[in-house]
Each structure stands twice: as C-alpha cells, then as structure tokens.
Amino acid sequence: MQPDQVISVAKKLWSAIPHCHTNSGRYDQSQKVSAETLQSLKSLISDEQDVTVFWFTNDYELSRIGNLVVQATEAIIADHDQSHDSAKWYRFDWDEVGRHRDGITLDAMGGSALLRAAAKILPRQSQEQNDQFWLKATHEVHTATASLFGIIAVRDQDNLAQRMRCGRAWQRIHLWATM
C-alpha cells in the first residue's frame, strides 16, 4: 500500500474501534464471505513483514480445523493451571467489567437473552462447569457454524517483533470486519 492509502485505512479502522465487540454466539451462515473480501483482508496486512494469513473455506478444511480447535479446548481445560488462568478472564458482573475493562463477559458469550439473564442472577458456576460450557459451545456453536477459518502466521514464532506484527494484523482484520 502507498503511504496515503495506509493513512486512509488507518483512519477508517480507528473510527471502527468504538463499534468493535465480541459475540461468541452462532455465526450467520447465510452470508458467505466472498473470495474478494478474503483477498481484501489479506491485502490489508500486506505491509506486515513476515506475517501472512491463510484462509480455510471448504468443508474438509472447516471440519479438520474445527476438530483441532475442539481438541485444543479439551487440552486447555484438562490442564488445571491453564484452565485456572483462562477462568481469570471471565467477567461476571458490571463491577468486574468496569474494574478490569477486559476479558469475556456473559453478554458476549452468546446464548439467549433468558440464558444470559439467568446466568447473571444465579450463583456462579464452578470452574469445571464453565470449562464444560466452553467446550460444548466450541464444539456445537463456534466451530459448527463457522463458514471459514483463518490463521495468521509469522515466520519465527520466537521473534517478538513478528508476534507484535501478527497481533497488529489481527486487530486490523477484526476492525475491518466491524466496519
């Protein structure tokens, strides 16, 4: 991209920040992502040295990667320390959301309004119950309804600068999808 194009894209992405949110509910499979859109997203990060994105869209790839994501979730919840550290990111009430201003909220976890309201009123589930909810949602909602997967990769996973550029690429793609 030319410098003036970079500035134009940066301004558009900056304006998307207030509208960016996470929704871990079902994906809308009626709206397929076009090859042109995927190419636009790829070109959005073309200036990130040693960073690339791979898109997976056919049924075989979706099934294979979906299974790997479920297996990774199983591995995380089977490891007590990882499960415990992951649980620290859940924010169950507005006080926690306001205090930490990060993490995963009940409203972003998907599910019906009734289910979310009940989760806010009832006593908190145990870490094990939360892990099982996460695994079930990963298997039955997230991977089951995704129409594509993407992997952002770097040449050297131990290179901190490349990892930072990878994160920056993820943010650009996420913000672009918000617009």
Foldseek 3Di string as FASTA:
>chain_A
DDPVVLVVLVVLLVVLVVLFDAALFADDLVDADDPVNVVVLQVNLVVQPQKGKDKFADPVSLVVVLVVVLVVLVVQCVDVVSLVVLVVQEDEDPVSCVVPVGHDYLRRNYDDPVVSVCCNVDDHDDSNVVSVVVSCSSNPGVSVRDRMDMDMDGPDPVDPSSVVSSVVSVSSSSSVVSD
